[in-house]
Amino acid sequence: MEQILGILAIFFAAGMGILLIRAWCYKKQIDHIRKQLLFLETEDSNFLLTSVCAVGKTKEVIRCLNRVLEKLRGEVRSLQRTNQSYRESITSISHDIRTPLTSIKGYIQILKKSDASPEKKAEYLRVVERRLEELNCMLNQLFEYARLEAGEICLHMEKFHVGNLFAEIISMFYEDFSTQGQEPIIEIAPRAMYIQGDKHAFSRILENLIKNALVHGMGKYYFSVESKNGHAVICIANETDCIDKKDLERIFERFYTTDQSRGRRTTGLGLAIAKEFTIQMGGSIQAYLKKGYFIVEVCFPLIEQK
């Protein structure tokens, strides 16, 4: 009996020793993690938690904490990029609005102080009217994009004939092309093509793309709509001297303008709005350069005729 008790005592002592060692390891590991967390609390570091001794599930806990740390750091980086983007956007908006306002103010001061002829004053007034129209267009684009981002624009989806609406919208710009002395090439496939979409949104997409071509293009405009692989493919093309391949990656970003086009009084929102409307209608949009032409293609799934 005494022998059995002795053996039990030895096992008990060994068990207690193991428990004490594990408790010491847990304490050491927890102290180590606590010190690392205190360091991370005060320092901006990409440092991750480490283990000093593998005991129980402490390694698994450390892995979980590191995943949380990496996720939080990713969110912080994303927030920093967003804040930087907003700061750049505010700077861009301020510049774009200030330019026509400065011009308007200048011409008004000239009109107040000038003893110019009535014809010259009428010319100044026409310039002021143009600048006011530019400013009004910019503010409308800003308001429209803000509503799009906030999800405040509800699309009314319906079936409509792409070719007919395409031709109708292009005809609205006849005077603009005539002013530039240009006659665009227009190709509309004879086949009746129907898509499911919002007519107003579709009109805004084309209007913005055509305006972009008129403002930034050098002429030789080409517009087409055709059926390809079950999609209606709309193409807007023009010669360009202000777009490089590096611009294509950012061409649909809000407020993005090329360096060469900065002086052409544009918000950089036209293509961003076109892209947003296209996506909301279930379509796709892409831009590319080909033999000196800047080309934008918009695709929407065709619906079958019954």
C-alpha atoms as a PDB file:
ATOM      1  CA  MET A   1       0.000   0.000   0.000  1.00  0.00           C
ATOM      2  CA  GLU A   2       2.790   2.369   0.908  1.00  0.00           C
ATOM      3  CA  GLN A   3       4.458   1.562  -2.419  1.00  0.00           C
ATOM      4  CA  ILE A   4       1.285   2.486  -4.312  1.00  0.00           C
ATOM      5  CA  LEU A   5       0.957   5.697  -2.364  1.00  0.00           C
ATOM      6  CA  GLY A   6       4.563   6.493  -3.131  1.00  0.00           C
ATOM      7  CA  ILE A   7       4.003   5.967  -6.859  1.00  0.00           C
ATOM      8  CA  LEU A   8       0.880   8.138  -6.733  1.00  0.00           C
ATOM      9  CA  ALA A   9       2.816  10.825  -4.909  1.00  0.00           C
ATOM     10  CA  ILE A  10       5.499  10.746  -7.595  1.00  0.00           C
ATOM     11  CA  PHE A  11       2.862  11.037 -10.359  1.00  0.00           C
ATOM     12  CA  PHE A  12       1.146  13.859  -8.464  1.00  0.00           C
ATOM     13  CA  ALA A  13       4.417  15.706  -8.012  1.00  0.00           C
ATOM     14  CA  ALA A  14       5.273  15.221 -11.720  1.00  0.00           C
ATOM     15  CA  GLY A  15       1.801  16.460 -12.711  1.00  0.00           C
ATOM     16  CA  MET A  16       2.115  19.501 -10.508  1.00  0.00           C
ATOM     17  CA  GLY A  17       5.542  20.178 -11.962  1.00  0.00           C
ATOM     18  CA  ILE A  18       4.163  20.020 -15.515  1.00  0.00           C
ATOM     19  CA  LEU A  19       1.269  22.314 -14.579  1.00  0.00           C
ATOM     20  CA  LEU A  20       3.644  24.785 -12.979  1.00  0.00           C
ATOM     21  CA  ILE A  21       5.862  24.775 -16.077  1.00  0.00           C
ATOM     22  CA  ARG A  22       2.848  25.283 -18.370  1.00  0.00           C
ATOM     23  CA  ALA A  23       1.548  28.063 -16.119  1.00  0.00           C
ATOM     24  CA  TRP A  24       4.980  29.725 -16.248  1.00  0.00           C
ATOM     25  CA  CYS A  25       5.000  29.380 -20.087  1.00  0.00           C
ATOM     26  CA  TYR A  26       1.488  30.859 -20.324  1.00  0.00           C
ATOM     27  CA  LYS A  27       2.535  33.787 -18.121  1.00  0.00           C
ATOM     28  CA  LYS A  28       5.681  34.366 -20.175  1.00  0.00           C
ATOM     29  CA  GLN A  29       3.724  34.214 -23.426  1.00  0.00           C
ATOM     30  CA  ILE A  30       0.986  36.560 -22.168  1.00  0.00           C
ATOM     31  CA  ASP A  31       3.574  39.048 -20.862  1.00  0.00           C
ATOM     32  CA  HIS A  32       5.327  38.901 -24.237  1.00  0.00           C
ATOM     33  CA  ILE A  33       2.076  39.552 -26.152  1.00  0.00           C
ATOM     34  CA  ARG A  34       1.135  42.367 -23.729  1.00  0.00           C
ATOM     35  CA  LYS A  35       4.477  44.116 -24.291  1.00  0.00           C
ATOM     36  CA  GLN A  36       4.130  43.774 -28.065  1.00  0.00           C
ATOM     37  CA  LEU A  37       0.581  45.176 -27.991  1.00  0.00           C
ATOM     38  CA  LEU A  38       1.721  48.118 -25.858  1.00  0.00           C
ATOM     39  CA  PHE A  39       4.465  48.763 -28.420  1.00  0.00           C
ATOM     40  CA  LEU A  40       1.981  48.649 -31.308  1.00  0.00           C
ATOM     41  CA  GLU A  41      -0.356  50.970 -29.412  1.00  0.00           C
ATOM     42  CA  THR A  42       2.243  53.737 -29.334  1.00  0.00           C
ATOM     43  CA  GLU A  43       4.244  53.095 -32.511  1.00  0.00           C
ATOM     44  CA  ASP A  44       3.253  53.195 -36.197  1.00  0.00           C
ATOM     45  CA  SER A  45       4.727  49.858 -37.213  1.00  0.00           C
ATOM     46  CA  ASN A  46       4.014  46.924 -39.511  1.00  0.00           C
ATOM     47  CA  PHE A  47       5.359  44.638 -36.776  1.00  0.00           C
ATOM     48  CA  LEU A  48       3.377  41.418 -36.153  1.00  0.00           C
ATOM     49  CA  LEU A  49       3.018  39.518 -32.894  1.00  0.00           C
ATOM     50  CA  THR A  50       5.486  36.684 -32.254  1.00  0.00           C
ATOM     51  CA  SER A  51       5.628  33.687 -29.935  1.00  0.00           C
ATOM     52  CA  VAL A  52       8.294  33.010 -27.312  1.00  0.00           C
ATOM     53  CA  CYS A  53       7.144  29.537 -26.337  1.00  0.00           C
ATOM     54  CA  ALA A  54       4.597  27.209 -27.890  1.00  0.00           C
ATOM     55  CA  VAL A  55       2.073  26.333 -25.237  1.00  0.00           C
ATOM     56  CA  GLY A  56      -1.536  25.283 -25.655  1.00  0.00           C
ATOM     57  CA  LYS A  57      -3.374  27.335 -28.299  1.00  0.00           C
ATOM     58  CA  THR A  58      -1.347  30.498 -27.838  1.00  0.00           C
ATOM     59  CA  LYS A  59       0.129  30.210 -31.351  1.00  0.00           C
ATOM     60  CA  GLU A  60      -3.379  30.003 -32.802  1.00  0.00           C
ATOM     61  CA  VAL A  61      -4.389  33.074 -30.766  1.00  0.00           C
ATOM     62  CA  ILE A  62      -1.345  34.962 -32.089  1.00  0.00           C
ATOM     63  CA  ARG A  63      -2.213  33.998 -35.690  1.00  0.00           C
ATOM     64  CA  CYS A  64      -5.770  35.287 -35.166  1.00  0.00           C
ATOM     65  CA  LEU A  65      -4.498  38.539 -33.658  1.00  0.00           C
ATOM     66  CA  ASN A  66      -2.080  39.008 -36.568  1.00  0.00           C
ATOM     67  CA  ARG A  67      -4.904  38.522 -39.071  1.00  0.00           C
ATOM     68  CA  VAL A  68      -6.913  41.193 -37.249  1.00  0.00           C
ATOM     69  CA  LEU A  69      -3.874  43.510 -37.256  1.00  0.00           C
ATOM     70  CA  GLU A  70      -3.305  43.042 -41.006  1.00  0.00           C
ATOM     71  CA  LYS A  71      -6.990  43.642 -41.730  1.00  0.00           C
ATOM     72  CA  LEU A  72      -7.009  46.843 -39.650  1.00  0.00           C
ATOM     73  CA  ARG A  73      -3.821  48.059 -41.331  1.00  0.00           C
ATOM     74  CA  GLY A  74      -5.355  47.393 -44.741  1.00  0.00           C
ATOM     75  CA  GLU A  75      -8.431  49.410 -43.774  1.00  0.00           C
ATOM     76  CA  VAL A  76      -6.238  52.246 -42.488  1.00  0.00           C
ATOM     77  CA  ARG A  77      -4.270  52.311 -45.763  1.00  0.00           C
ATOM     78  CA  SER A  78      -7.522  52.303 -47.736  1.00  0.00           C
ATOM     79  CA  LEU A  79      -8.865  55.162 -45.618  1.00  0.00           C
ATOM     80  CA  GLN A  80      -5.644  57.124 -46.125  1.00  0.00           C
ATOM     81  CA  ARG A  81      -5.886  56.638 -49.900  1.00  0.00           C
ATOM     82  CA  THR A  82      -9.531  57.729 -49.822  1.00  0.00           C
ATOM     83  CA  ASN A  83      -8.693  60.824 -47.784  1.00  0.00           C
ATOM     84  CA  GLN A  84      -5.876  61.676 -50.181  1.00  0.00           C
ATOM     85  CA  SER A  85      -8.246  61.199 -53.106  1.00  0.00           C
ATOM     86  CA  TYR A  86     -10.806  63.509 -51.513  1.00  0.00           C
ATOM     87  CA  ARG A  87      -8.167  66.151 -50.831  1.00  0.00           C
ATOM     88  CA  GLU A  88      -7.070  65.979 -54.468  1.00  0.00           C
ATOM     89  CA  SER A  89     -10.717  66.097 -55.545  1.00  0.00           C
ATOM     90  CA  ILE A  90     -11.376  69.232 -53.506  1.00  0.00           C
ATOM     91  CA  THR A  91      -8.290  70.865 -54.987  1.00  0.00           C
ATOM     92  CA  SER A  92      -9.415  69.872 -58.479  1.00  0.00           C
ATOM     93  CA  ILE A  93     -12.968  71.133 -57.950  1.00  0.00           C
ATOM     94  CA  SER A  94     -11.690  74.431 -56.549  1.00  0.00           C
ATOM     95  CA  HIS A  95      -9.466  74.918 -59.589  1.00  0.00           C
ATOM     96  CA  ASP A  96     -12.182  73.987 -62.070  1.00  0.00           C
ATOM     97  CA  ILE A  97     -14.750  76.335 -60.534  1.00  0.00           C
ATOM     98  CA  ARG A  98     -12.307  79.173 -59.898  1.00  0.00           C
ATOM     99  CA  THR A  99     -11.207  79.334 -63.545  1.00  0.00           C
ATOM    100  CA  PRO A 100     -14.556  80.376 -65.102  1.00  0.00           C
ATOM    101  CA  LEU A 101     -15.397  82.540 -62.059  1.00  0.00           C
ATOM    102  CA  THR A 102     -12.134  84.454 -62.429  1.00  0.00           C
ATOM    103  CA  SER A 103     -12.812  84.929 -66.127  1.00  0.00           C
ATOM    104  CA  ILE A 104     -16.376  86.137 -65.466  1.00  0.00           C
ATOM    105  CA  LYS A 105     -15.176  88.565 -62.795  1.00  0.00           C
ATOM    106  CA  GLY A 106     -12.517  89.920 -65.131  1.00  0.00           C
ATOM    107  CA  TYR A 107     -14.925  90.591 -67.982  1.00  0.00           C
ATOM    108  CA  ILE A 108     -17.471  92.203 -65.661  1.00  0.00           C
ATOM    109  CA  GLN A 109     -14.782  94.578 -64.361  1.00  0.00           C
ATOM    110  CA  ILE A 110     -13.828  95.408 -67.955  1.00  0.00           C
ATOM    111  CA  LEU A 111     -17.480  96.129 -68.780  1.00  0.00           C
ATOM    112  CA  LYS A 112     -17.834  98.393 -65.747  1.00  0.00           C
ATOM    113  CA  LYS A 113     -14.693 100.410 -66.468  1.00  0.00           C
ATOM    114  CA  SER A 114     -14.494 100.208 -70.246  1.00  0.00           C
ATOM    115  CA  ASP A 115     -15.714 102.819 -72.705  1.00  0.00           C
ATOM    116  CA  ALA A 116     -15.641 100.203 -75.458  1.00  0.00           C
ATOM    117  CA  SER A 117     -18.127 100.229 -78.313  1.00  0.00           C
ATOM    118  CA  PRO A 118     -21.511  98.536 -77.923  1.00  0.00           C
ATOM    119  CA  GLU A 119     -20.293  95.788 -80.254  1.00  0.00           C
ATOM    120  CA  LYS A 120     -17.271  95.114 -78.060  1.00  0.00           C
ATOM    121  CA  LYS A 121     -19.410  95.093 -74.911  1.00  0.00           C
ATOM    122  CA  ALA A 122     -21.814  92.662 -76.547  1.00  0.00           C
ATOM    123  CA  GLU A 123     -18.840  90.416 -77.314  1.00  0.00           C
ATOM    124  CA  TYR A 124     -17.721  90.561 -73.663  1.00  0.00           C
ATOM    125  CA  LEU A 125     -21.243  89.672 -72.541  1.00  0.00           C
ATOM    126  CA  ARG A 126     -21.239  86.649 -74.849  1.00  0.00           C
ATOM    127  CA  VAL A 127     -17.966  85.500 -73.253  1.00  0.00           C
ATOM    128  CA  VAL A 128     -19.515  85.904 -69.786  1.00  0.00           C
ATOM    129  CA  GLU A 129     -22.544  83.876 -70.898  1.00  0.00           C
ATOM    130  CA  ARG A 130     -20.287  81.084 -72.195  1.00  0.00           C
ATOM    131  CA  ARG A 131     -18.326  81.007 -68.948  1.00  0.00           C
ATOM    132  CA  LEU A 132     -21.560  80.884 -66.943  1.00  0.00           C
ATOM    133  CA  GLU A 133     -22.759  77.991 -69.090  1.00  0.00           C
ATOM    134  CA  GLU A 134     -19.466  76.163 -68.488  1.00  0.00           C
ATOM    135  CA  LEU A 135     -19.807  76.746 -64.743  1.00  0.00           C
ATOM    136  CA  ASN A 136     -23.415  75.560 -64.798  1.00  0.00           C
ATOM    137  CA  CYS A 137     -22.370  72.399 -66.659  1.00  0.00           C
ATOM    138  CA  MET A 138     -19.612  71.695 -64.099  1.00  0.00           C
ATOM    139  CA  LEU A 139     -21.968  72.127 -61.149  1.00  0.00           C
ATOM    140  CA  ASN A 140     -24.576  69.897 -62.802  1.00  0.00           C
ATOM    141  CA  GLN A 141     -21.959  67.175 -63.304  1.00  0.00           C
ATOM    142  CA  LEU A 142     -20.816  67.454 -59.694  1.00  0.00           C
ATOM    143  CA  PHE A 143     -24.399  67.192 -58.460  1.00  0.00           C
ATOM    144  CA  GLU A 144     -25.168  64.261 -60.746  1.00  0.00           C
ATOM    145  CA  TYR A 145     -22.050  62.345 -59.705  1.00  0.00           C
ATOM    146  CA  ALA A 146     -22.750  62.986 -56.010  1.00  0.00           C
ATOM    147  CA  ARG A 147     -26.268  61.590 -56.456  1.00  0.00           C
ATOM    148  CA  LEU A 148     -24.910  58.571 -58.337  1.00  0.00           C
ATOM    149  CA  GLU A 149     -22.390  57.784 -55.597  1.00  0.00           C
ATOM    150  CA  ALA A 150     -25.080  58.172 -52.936  1.00  0.00           C
ATOM    151  CA  GLY A 151     -27.386  55.801 -54.827  1.00  0.00           C
ATOM    152  CA  GLU A 152     -30.061  58.484 -55.132  1.00  0.00           C
ATOM    153  CA  ILE A 153     -30.670  57.977 -58.865  1.00  0.00           C
ATOM    154  CA  CYS A 154     -33.120  55.149 -59.506  1.00  0.00           C
ATOM    155  CA  LEU A 155     -33.014  53.689 -63.006  1.00  0.00           C
ATOM    156  CA  HIS A 156     -36.234  52.908 -64.843  1.00  0.00           C
ATOM    157  CA  MET A 157     -35.390  49.814 -66.862  1.00  0.00           C
ATOM    158  CA  GLU A 158     -37.304  49.284 -70.096  1.00  0.00           C
ATOM    159  CA  LYS A 159     -36.798  47.797 -73.531  1.00  0.00           C
ATOM    160  CA  PHE A 160     -35.717  50.273 -76.215  1.00  0.00           C
ATOM    161  CA  HIS A 161     -34.204  50.409 -79.704  1.00  0.00           C
ATOM    162  CA  VAL A 162     -30.496  51.231 -79.380  1.00  0.00           C
ATOM    163  CA  GLY A 163     -29.932  52.447 -82.944  1.00  0.00           C
ATOM    164  CA  ASN A 164     -32.832  54.906 -82.927  1.00  0.00           C
ATOM    165  CA  LEU A 165     -31.854  56.534 -79.629  1.00  0.00           C
ATOM    166  CA  PHE A 166     -28.183  56.519 -80.679  1.00  0.00           C
ATOM    167  CA  ALA A 167     -29.003  58.455 -83.886  1.00  0.00           C
ATOM    168  CA  GLU A 168     -31.278  60.856 -82.008  1.00  0.00           C
ATOM    169  CA  ILE A 169     -28.591  61.781 -79.484  1.00  0.00           C
ATOM    170  CA  ILE A 170     -25.851  62.277 -82.095  1.00  0.00           C
ATOM    171  CA  SER A 171     -28.139  64.578 -84.092  1.00  0.00           C
ATOM    172  CA  MET A 172     -28.329  66.880 -81.055  1.00  0.00           C
ATOM    173  CA  PHE A 173     -24.638  67.696 -81.565  1.00  0.00           C
ATOM    174  CA  TYR A 174     -24.926  68.634 -85.260  1.00  0.00           C
ATOM    175  CA  GLU A 175     -24.226  72.314 -84.545  1.00  0.00           C
ATOM    176  CA  ASP A 176     -21.172  71.475 -82.429  1.00  0.00           C
ATOM    177  CA  PHE A 177     -19.643  69.444 -85.251  1.00  0.00           C
ATOM    178  CA  SER A 178     -20.482  72.173 -87.786  1.00  0.00           C
ATOM    179  CA  THR A 179     -18.782  74.799 -85.596  1.00  0.00           C
ATOM    180  CA  GLN A 180     -15.604  72.717 -85.710  1.00  0.00           C
ATOM    181  CA  GLY A 181     -15.980  72.183 -89.444  1.00  0.00           C
ATOM    182  CA  GLN A 182     -16.291  68.458 -88.911  1.00  0.00           C
ATOM    183  CA  GLU A 183     -18.605  65.868 -90.374  1.00  0.00           C
ATOM    184  CA  PRO A 184     -18.458  62.707 -88.253  1.00  0.00           C
ATOM    185  CA  ILE A 185     -18.645  59.236 -89.743  1.00  0.00           C
ATOM    186  CA  ILE A 186     -21.724  57.511 -88.328  1.00  0.00           C
ATOM    187  CA  GLU A 187     -22.436  53.811 -88.806  1.00  0.00           C
ATOM    188  CA  ILE A 188     -25.570  52.175 -87.436  1.00  0.00           C
ATOM    189  CA  ALA A 189     -26.181  48.491 -88.097  1.00  0.00           C
ATOM    190  CA  PRO A 190     -29.397  47.923 -90.083  1.00  0.00           C
ATOM    191  CA  ARG A 191     -30.506  45.170 -87.733  1.00  0.00           C
ATOM    192  CA  ALA A 192     -32.953  46.272 -85.030  1.00  0.00           C
ATOM    193  CA  MET A 193     -31.153  45.997 -81.697  1.00  0.00           C
ATOM    194  CA  TYR A 194     -32.951  46.196 -78.367  1.00  0.00           C
ATOM    195  CA  ILE A 195     -31.526  46.351 -74.859  1.00  0.00           C
ATOM    196  CA  GLN A 196     -33.010  46.567 -71.383  1.00  0.00           C
ATOM    197  CA  GLY A 197     -31.990  49.826 -69.786  1.00  0.00           C
ATOM    198  CA  ASP A 198     -32.802  53.324 -68.658  1.00  0.00           C
ATOM    199  CA  LYS A 199     -33.230  55.722 -71.592  1.00  0.00           C
ATOM    200  CA  HIS A 200     -32.123  58.757 -69.596  1.00  0.00           C
ATOM    201  CA  ALA A 201     -28.999  56.978 -68.339  1.00  0.00           C
ATOM    202  CA  PHE A 202     -28.196  55.723 -71.852  1.00  0.00           C
ATOM    203  CA  SER A 203     -28.577  59.277 -73.177  1.00  0.00           C
ATOM    204  CA  ARG A 204     -26.286  60.655 -70.471  1.00  0.00           C
ATOM    205  CA  ILE A 205     -23.636  58.024 -71.307  1.00  0.00           C
ATOM    206  CA  LEU A 206     -23.591  58.986 -74.990  1.00  0.00           C
ATOM    207  CA  GLU A 207     -23.832  62.718 -74.322  1.00  0.00           C
ATOM    208  CA  ASN A 208     -20.839  62.607 -71.983  1.00  0.00           C
ATOM    209  CA  LEU A 209     -18.771  60.509 -74.400  1.00  0.00           C
ATOM    210  CA  ILE A 210     -19.564  62.779 -77.345  1.00  0.00           C
ATOM    211  CA  LYS A 211     -18.847  65.932 -75.296  1.00  0.00           C
ATOM    212  CA  ASN A 212     -15.559  64.389 -74.198  1.00  0.00           C
ATOM    213  CA  ALA A 213     -14.663  63.741 -77.842  1.00  0.00           C
ATOM    214  CA  LEU A 214     -15.587  67.317 -78.828  1.00  0.00           C
ATOM    215  CA  VAL A 215     -13.614  68.922 -75.978  1.00  0.00           C
ATOM    216  CA  HIS A 216     -10.489  66.761 -76.064  1.00  0.00           C
ATOM    217  CA  GLY A 217     -10.480  65.385 -79.619  1.00  0.00           C
ATOM    218  CA  MET A 218      -8.717  66.764 -82.675  1.00  0.00           C
ATOM    219  CA  GLY A 219     -11.469  65.860 -85.115  1.00  0.00           C
ATOM    220  CA  LYS A 220     -12.097  62.911 -87.437  1.00  0.00           C
ATOM    221  CA  TYR A 221     -14.957  61.676 -85.273  1.00  0.00           C
ATOM    222  CA  TYR A 222     -16.321  58.197 -85.713  1.00  0.00           C
ATOM    223  CA  PHE A 223     -19.485  56.865 -84.074  1.00  0.00           C
ATOM    224  CA  SER A 224     -20.973  53.417 -84.545  1.00  0.00           C
ATOM    225  CA  VAL A 225     -23.357  50.900 -83.043  1.00  0.00           C
ATOM    226  CA  GLU A 226     -23.322  47.251 -84.052  1.00  0.00           C
ATOM    227  CA  SER A 227     -24.278  43.798 -82.863  1.00  0.00           C
ATOM    228  CA  LYS A 228     -21.383  41.642 -81.702  1.00  0.00           C
ATOM    229  CA  ASN A 229     -21.449  38.387 -79.701  1.00  0.00           C
ATOM    230  CA  GLY A 230     -24.940  39.016 -78.378  1.00  0.00           C
ATOM    231  CA  HIS A 231     -24.193  42.591 -77.360  1.00  0.00           C
ATOM    232  CA  ALA A 232     -24.925  46.060 -78.680  1.00  0.00           C
ATOM    233  CA  VAL A 233     -21.468  47.659 -79.049  1.00  0.00           C
ATOM    234  CA  ILE A 234     -21.325  51.450 -79.151  1.00  0.00           C
ATOM    235  CA  CYS A 235     -18.060  52.991 -80.344  1.00  0.00           C
ATOM    236  CA  ILE A 236     -17.016  56.632 -79.888  1.00  0.00           C
ATOM    237  CA  ALA A 237     -13.677  57.508 -81.507  1.00  0.00           C
ATOM    238  CA  ASN A 238     -11.658  60.625 -82.274  1.00  0.00           C
ATOM    239  CA  GLU A 239      -8.104  61.644 -83.049  1.00  0.00           C
ATOM    240  CA  THR A 240      -6.187  62.731 -79.980  1.00  0.00           C
ATOM    241  CA  ASP A 241      -3.008  64.484 -78.957  1.00  0.00           C
ATOM    242  CA  CYS A 242      -3.534  64.610 -75.183  1.00  0.00           C
ATOM    243  CA  ILE A 243      -3.949  60.984 -74.121  1.00  0.00           C
ATOM    244  CA  ASP A 244      -1.133  58.498 -73.500  1.00  0.00           C
ATOM    245  CA  LYS A 245      -1.259  54.823 -72.623  1.00  0.00           C
ATOM    246  CA  LYS A 246      -0.550  55.694 -68.987  1.00  0.00           C
ATOM    247  CA  ASP A 247      -3.773  57.724 -68.907  1.00  0.00           C
ATOM    248  CA  LEU A 248      -5.946  54.769 -69.908  1.00  0.00           C
ATOM    249  CA  GLU A 249      -5.682  53.105 -66.489  1.00  0.00           C
ATOM    250  CA  ARG A 250      -7.203  56.174 -64.819  1.00  0.00           C
ATOM    251  CA  ILE A 251      -9.328  57.634 -67.600  1.00  0.00           C
ATOM    252  CA  PHE A 252     -12.634  56.687 -65.904  1.00  0.00           C
ATOM    253  CA  GLU A 253     -11.595  57.902 -62.434  1.00  0.00           C
ATOM    254  CA  ARG A 254     -13.529  60.831 -61.020  1.00  0.00           C
ATOM    255  CA  PHE A 255     -11.849  64.228 -61.509  1.00  0.00           C
ATOM    256  CA  TYR A 256      -9.063  62.691 -63.590  1.00  0.00           C
ATOM    257  CA  THR A 257      -7.865  64.854 -66.447  1.00  0.00           C
ATOM    258  CA  THR A 258      -4.715  64.587 -68.514  1.00  0.00           C
ATOM    259  CA  ASP A 259      -2.066  67.256 -68.010  1.00  0.00           C
ATOM    260  CA  GLN A 260      -2.654  68.598 -71.499  1.00  0.00           C
ATOM    261  CA  SER A 261      -6.411  68.905 -70.991  1.00  0.00           C
ATOM    262  CA  ARG A 262      -6.262  70.700 -67.625  1.00  0.00           C
ATOM    263  CA  GLY A 263      -6.637  74.091 -69.327  1.00  0.00           C
ATOM    264  CA  ARG A 264      -9.764  73.071 -71.238  1.00  0.00           C
ATOM    265  CA  ARG A 265     -12.178  73.752 -68.371  1.00  0.00           C
ATOM    266  CA  THR A 266     -13.368  70.250 -67.539  1.00  0.00           C
ATOM    267  CA  THR A 267     -14.296  68.597 -64.240  1.00  0.00           C
ATOM    268  CA  GLY A 268     -13.008  65.171 -65.257  1.00  0.00           C
ATOM    269  CA  LEU A 269     -16.387  63.727 -64.300  1.00  0.00           C
ATOM    270  CA  GLY A 270     -17.932  63.054 -67.710  1.00  0.00           C
ATOM    271  CA  LEU A 271     -16.314  59.644 -68.246  1.00  0.00           C
ATOM    272  CA  ALA A 272     -16.729  58.696 -64.565  1.00  0.00           C
ATOM    273  CA  ILE A 273     -20.476  59.354 -64.825  1.00  0.00           C
ATOM    274  CA  ALA A 274     -20.663  57.404 -68.096  1.00  0.00           C
ATOM    275  CA  LYS A 275     -18.936  54.431 -66.459  1.00  0.00           C
ATOM    276  CA  GLU A 276     -21.187  54.503 -63.386  1.00  0.00           C
ATOM    277  CA  PHE A 277     -24.373  54.599 -65.477  1.00  0.00           C
ATOM    278  CA  THR A 278     -23.035  51.810 -67.721  1.00  0.00           C
ATOM    279  CA  ILE A 279     -22.297  49.535 -64.773  1.00  0.00           C
ATOM    280  CA  GLN A 280     -25.672  50.225 -63.162  1.00  0.00           C
ATOM    281  CA  MET A 281     -27.351  49.206 -66.438  1.00  0.00           C
ATOM    282  CA  GLY A 282     -25.425  45.917 -66.514  1.00  0.00           C
ATOM    283  CA  GLY A 283     -23.048  46.953 -69.296  1.00  0.00           C
ATOM    284  CA  SER A 284     -19.295  47.329 -69.659  1.00  0.00           C
ATOM    285  CA  ILE A 285     -17.084  50.164 -70.836  1.00  0.00           C
ATOM    286  CA  GLN A 286     -13.448  50.306 -71.905  1.00  0.00           C
ATOM    287  CA  ALA A 287     -11.059  52.797 -73.508  1.00  0.00           C
ATOM    288  CA  TYR A 288      -8.020  52.220 -75.663  1.00  0.00           C
ATOM    289  CA  LEU A 289      -5.714  53.885 -78.182  1.00  0.00           C
ATOM    290  CA  LYS A 290      -5.339  52.708 -81.753  1.00  0.00           C
ATOM    291  CA  LYS A 291      -3.342  54.415 -84.501  1.00  0.00           C
ATOM    292  CA  GLY A 292      -3.701  57.897 -82.998  1.00  0.00           C
ATOM    293  CA  TYR A 293      -7.365  57.456 -82.106  1.00  0.00           C
ATOM    294  CA  PHE A 294      -8.870  57.468 -78.637  1.00  0.00           C
ATOM    295  CA  ILE A 295     -11.694  54.926 -78.642  1.00  0.00           C
ATOM    296  CA  VAL A 296     -14.357  54.216 -76.039  1.00  0.00           C
ATOM    297  CA  GLU A 297     -16.495  51.097 -76.399  1.00  0.00           C
ATOM    298  CA  VAL A 298     -19.689  50.539 -74.441  1.00  0.00           C
ATOM    299  CA  CYS A 299     -21.409  47.130 -74.498  1.00  0.00           C
ATOM    300  CA  PHE A 300     -24.904  46.119 -73.379  1.00  0.00           C
ATOM    301  CA  PRO A 301     -26.479  42.655 -73.629  1.00  0.00           C
ATOM    302  CA  LEU A 302     -29.056  42.404 -76.419  1.00  0.00           C
ATOM    303  CA  ILE A 303     -32.492  41.037 -75.624  1.00  0.00           C
ATOM    304  CA  GLU A 304     -34.189  38.580 -77.949  1.00  0.00           C
ATOM    305  CA  GLN A 305     -37.041  39.696 -80.167  1.00  0.00           C
ATOM    306  CA  LYS A 306     -40.310  37.772 -79.837  1.00  0.00           C
END
